[in-house]
Each structure stands twice: as C-alpha cells, then as structure tokens.
Amino acid sequence: MFERFVHTGDAALVTGSVGIGLSVVHLLVDRMGGTVGYSREGAATVFRVELPAAHEAAGELAEV
C-alpha cells in the first residue's frame, strides 16, 4: 500500500490524484525514525503514524 503507484495510461485513474501520497508519507516517517501503518475499522481505513520523541531521535535521555 505504501509503494509508489505508477500509472502508464494517458488519463489519471482518479481526478486530481497522482498516486504518490502514501509513499511520500512512508518515506518521510521512515527517515524520521518512525513507523506508519494502517488497519480497517468497519468500512473505514485508519492510518497510524508513530514518531519518536525529539530526545529519543537525538539519542538523549528524557529528564523527568
């Protein structure tokens, strides 16, 4: 689902869509050290993005 969609036809499959949104989200989240996923909840698709806190990404310990 997070791979870039490549359409070889002349017309867009969905008006106003180029098919790269989720692949860009996945790339950005991955580069920030996080994860992205999805689940189905009834008729809805729910996307989840988890990113490390700034101090975790920098390799520092949080002060409480």
Protein backbone atom coordinates (compact mmCIF):
# COMPACT_ATOMS: atom_id res chain seq x y z
CA MET A 1 0.00 0.00 0.00
CA PHE A 2 2.92 2.35 0.64
CA GLU A 3 4.72 1.71 -2.64
CA ARG A 4 4.62 4.46 -5.25
CA PHE A 5 1.82 3.90 -7.76
CA VAL A 6 2.85 4.16 -11.39
CA HIS A 7 0.09 4.54 -13.96
CA THR A 8 1.10 4.16 -17.57
CA GLY A 9 -2.14 5.39 -19.16
CA ASP A 10 -2.79 8.85 -20.57
CA ALA A 11 -5.56 9.79 -18.12
CA ALA A 12 -5.47 9.79 -14.33
CA LEU A 13 -7.42 6.97 -12.70
CA VAL A 14 -8.72 9.36 -10.06
CA THR A 15 -9.17 13.03 -10.90
CA GLY A 16 -6.64 15.14 -9.01
CA SER A 17 -4.58 12.15 -7.85
CA VAL A 18 -1.05 11.21 -8.85
CA GLY A 19 -0.73 8.17 -6.57
CA ILE A 20 2.32 9.18 -4.53
CA GLY A 21 0.78 10.45 -1.27
CA LEU A 22 1.19 7.37 0.91
CA SER A 23 4.63 6.57 -0.48
CA VAL A 24 5.79 10.09 0.44
CA VAL A 25 4.33 9.72 3.95
CA HIS A 26 6.09 6.37 4.34
CA LEU A 27 9.43 7.77 3.16
CA LEU A 28 9.27 10.82 5.45
CA VAL A 29 8.17 8.86 8.50
CA ASP A 30 10.86 6.23 7.89
CA ARG A 31 13.57 8.88 7.56
CA MET A 32 12.43 10.39 10.88
CA GLY A 33 12.82 7.01 12.58
CA GLY A 34 9.12 6.26 12.84
CA THR A 35 6.61 3.80 11.51
CA VAL A 36 3.41 4.10 9.52
CA GLY A 37 0.69 1.52 9.21
CA TYR A 38 -2.99 1.07 8.65
CA SER A 39 -5.92 -1.01 9.79
CA ARG A 40 -9.50 -1.49 8.72
CA GLU A 41 -12.17 -0.47 11.22
CA GLY A 42 -15.53 -1.36 9.75
CA ALA A 43 -15.85 0.45 6.45
CA ALA A 44 -13.03 2.90 7.30
CA THR A 45 -9.29 2.66 6.80
CA VAL A 46 -7.36 4.16 9.72
CA PHE A 47 -3.75 5.22 9.22
CA ARG A 48 -1.30 5.33 12.15
CA VAL A 49 1.94 7.33 12.21
CA GLU A 50 4.31 6.88 15.15
CA LEU A 51 7.34 9.12 15.52
CA PRO A 52 10.00 9.08 18.23
CA ALA A 53 10.08 11.99 20.64
CA ALA A 54 12.75 14.59 19.81
CA HIS A 55 15.01 13.49 22.66
CA GLU A 56 14.81 9.84 21.54
CA ALA A 57 15.64 10.73 17.94
CA ALA A 58 18.66 12.71 19.11
CA GLY A 59 19.87 9.80 21.25
CA GLU A 60 19.35 11.70 24.50
CA LEU A 61 17.57 10.55 27.63
CA ALA A 62 14.49 12.41 28.75
CA GLU A 63 14.68 14.22 32.06
CA VAL A 64 11.62 13.68 34.21
